[in-house]
C-alpha atoms as a PDB file:
ATOM      1  CA  MET A   1     105.292 106.261  93.355  1.00  0.00           C
ATOM      2  CA  ASP A   2     103.721 103.611  90.644  1.00  0.00           C
ATOM      3  CA  ASN A   3      99.933 104.855  91.976  1.00  0.00           C
ATOM      4  CA  VAL A   4      99.718 107.927  92.082  1.00  0.00           C
ATOM      5  CA  VAL A   5      96.484 109.647  90.258  1.00  0.00           C
ATOM      6  CA  LYS A   6      96.044 113.607  90.270  1.00  0.00           C
ATOM      7  CA  LEU A   7      92.247 114.323  90.355  1.00  0.00           C
ATOM      8  CA  THR A   8      90.346 117.310  89.900  1.00  0.00           C
ATOM      9  CA  ASP A   9      88.630 118.723  92.796  1.00  0.00           C
ATOM     10  CA  GLU A  10      85.427 120.752  92.640  1.00  0.00           C
ATOM     11  CA  SER A  11      87.509 124.136  92.219  1.00  0.00           C
ATOM     12  CA  GLY A  12      89.728 122.520  89.903  1.00  0.00           C
ATOM     13  CA  CYS A  13      92.572 122.592  91.838  1.00  0.00           C
ATOM     14  CA  GLU A  14      95.134 119.531  90.990  1.00  0.00           C
ATOM     15  CA  VAL A  15      95.462 117.167  94.241  1.00  0.00           C
ATOM     16  CA  PHE A  16      97.230 113.664  94.228  1.00  0.00           C
ATOM     17  CA  PHE A  17      96.187 110.729  95.874  1.00  0.00           C
ATOM     18  CA  GLU A  18      97.045 106.728  96.332  1.00  0.00           C
ATOM     19  CA  PHE A  19      95.438 104.425  94.693  1.00  0.00           C
ATOM     20  CA  LEU A  20      95.159 101.376  97.635  1.00  0.00           C
ATOM     21  CA  ASP A  21      92.678  99.120  95.816  1.00  0.00           C
ATOM     22  CA  LEU A  22      89.310  98.821  93.631  1.00  0.00           C
ATOM     23  CA  ILE A  23      86.510  97.224  94.934  1.00  0.00           C
ATOM     24  CA  SER A  24      83.421  95.899  93.340  1.00  0.00           C
ATOM     25  CA  TRP A  25      80.283  96.135  95.691  1.00  0.00           C
ATOM     26  CA  LYS A  26      76.527  95.265  93.756  1.00  0.00           C
ATOM     27  CA  GLY A  27      78.011  96.225  90.443  1.00  0.00           C
ATOM     28  CA  ASP A  28      79.655  99.178  91.399  1.00  0.00           C
ATOM     29  CA  GLU A  29      83.848 100.023  91.961  1.00  0.00           C
ATOM     30  CA  PHE A  30      84.899 101.614  94.414  1.00  0.00           C
ATOM     31  CA  VAL A  31      88.357 103.304  94.295  1.00  0.00           C
ATOM     32  CA  ILE A  32      90.271 103.357  97.754  1.00  0.00           C
ATOM     33  CA  LEU A  33      92.496 106.464  97.448  1.00  0.00           C
ATOM     34  CA  LEU A  34      94.799 107.860 100.481  1.00  0.00           C
ATOM     35  CA  PRO A  35      95.334 111.289  99.967  1.00  0.00           C
ATOM     36  CA  VAL A  36      99.507 111.952  99.235  1.00  0.00           C
ATOM     37  CA  GLY A  37     100.875 113.763 102.102  1.00  0.00           C
ATOM     38  CA  SER A  38      98.146 112.976 104.422  1.00  0.00           C
ATOM     39  CA  GLU A  39      99.435 112.135 108.381  1.00  0.00           C
ATOM     40  CA  ASP A  40      95.604 111.048 109.810  1.00  0.00           C
ATOM     41  CA  GLY A  41      95.122 107.963 107.368  1.00  0.00           C
ATOM     42  CA  GLU A  42      92.231 109.028 106.301  1.00  0.00           C
ATOM     43  CA  VAL A  43      91.512 107.211 103.232  1.00  0.00           C
ATOM     44  CA  THR A  44      89.057 108.706 100.781  1.00  0.00           C
ATOM     45  CA  ILE A  45      86.405 106.194  98.452  1.00  0.00           C
ATOM     46  CA  LEU A  46      84.951 107.293  95.198  1.00  0.00           C
ATOM     47  CA  ARG A  47      82.350 105.916  93.348  1.00  0.00           C
ATOM     48  CA  LEU A  48      83.868 104.252  89.326  1.00  0.00           C
ATOM     49  CA  GLU A  49      81.606 106.047  86.932  1.00  0.00           C
ATOM     50  CA  ASN A  50      82.516 105.058  83.171  1.00  0.00           C
ATOM     51  CA  ASP A  51      81.436 106.272  80.291  1.00  0.00           C
ATOM     52  CA  ASN A  52      80.889 103.781  77.647  1.00  0.00           C
ATOM     53  CA  GLY A  53      84.836 102.416  78.101  1.00  0.00           C
ATOM     54  CA  GLU A  54      86.545 105.914  77.166  1.00  0.00           C
ATOM     55  CA  THR A  55      86.160 108.352  80.215  1.00  0.00           C
ATOM     56  CA  GLU A  56      86.642 107.500  83.635  1.00  0.00           C
ATOM     57  CA  SER A  57      84.582 109.477  86.479  1.00  0.00           C
ATOM     58  CA  TYR A  58      84.856 109.754  89.990  1.00  0.00           C
ATOM     59  CA  ILE A  59      81.715 110.490  91.904  1.00  0.00           C
ATOM     60  CA  SER A  60      81.445 110.518  95.802  1.00  0.00           C
ATOM     61  CA  VAL A  61      79.483 108.138  98.296  1.00  0.00           C
ATOM     62  CA  GLU A  62      76.705 109.998 100.009  1.00  0.00           C
ATOM     63  CA  ASP A  63      75.468 106.845 101.724  1.00  0.00           C
ATOM     64  CA  GLU A  64      76.894 106.211 104.636  1.00  0.00           C
ATOM     65  CA  ASP A  65      75.883 102.439 104.188  1.00  0.00           C
ATOM     66  CA  THR A  66      77.746 102.312 101.306  1.00  0.00           C
ATOM     67  CA  LEU A  67      80.354 104.374 103.099  1.00  0.00           C
ATOM     68  CA  MET A  68      80.914 101.681 105.876  1.00  0.00           C
ATOM     69  CA  THR A  69      79.981  98.563 103.508  1.00  0.00           C
ATOM     70  CA  VAL A  70      82.807  99.389 101.106  1.00  0.00           C
ATOM     71  CA  PHE A  71      85.166 100.297 103.858  1.00  0.00           C
ATOM     72  CA  SER A  72      84.707  97.096 105.750  1.00  0.00           C
ATOM     73  CA  LEU A  73      86.234  95.184 102.266  1.00  0.00           C
ATOM     74  CA  PHE A  74      88.676  97.151 101.920  1.00  0.00           C
ATOM     75  CA  LYS A  75      89.466  95.806 105.487  1.00  0.00           C
ATOM     76  CA  ASP A  76      88.702  92.696 105.568  1.00  0.00           C
ATOM     77  CA  ARG A  77      91.469  91.860 102.339  1.00  0.00           C
ATOM     78  CA  TRP A  78      94.493  94.070 103.590  1.00  0.00           C
ATOM     79  CA  LYS A  79      94.110  93.531 107.222  1.00  0.00           C
ATOM     80  CA  SER A  80      97.964  91.995 106.677  1.00  0.00           C
ATOM     81  CA  GLU A  81      99.271  94.620 105.164  1.00  0.00           C
ATOM     82  CA  PHE A  82      97.889  97.702 107.560  1.00  0.00           C
ATOM     83  CA  ASP A  83      97.002  98.105 111.456  1.00  0.00           C
ATOM     84  CA  PHE A  84      93.449  99.603 111.099  1.00  0.00           C
ATOM     85  CA  ALA A  85      92.572 102.034 114.433  1.00  0.00           C
ATOM     86  CA  ASP A  86      89.991 101.200 116.313  1.00  0.00           C
ATOM     87  CA  GLU A  87      86.268 103.255 115.355  1.00  0.00           C
END
């Protein structure tokens, strides 16, 4: 897969994700990732933080409203490609 990214978690462990999309909302960018090997299909949403164009960091999103809005934008964009389960 060309769209697999490797991130390092807080414990120093490498975790692999399939990159699904980049969503812009309210001046921020959010990556939509699917853990490689995930059977439940639950995505991870992280905010992209760019350090003057040199280093990218991915920050957890704590605000539930932001998560739901970004996920709704993702679902709307990809509704013809993915079968989303009803919440």
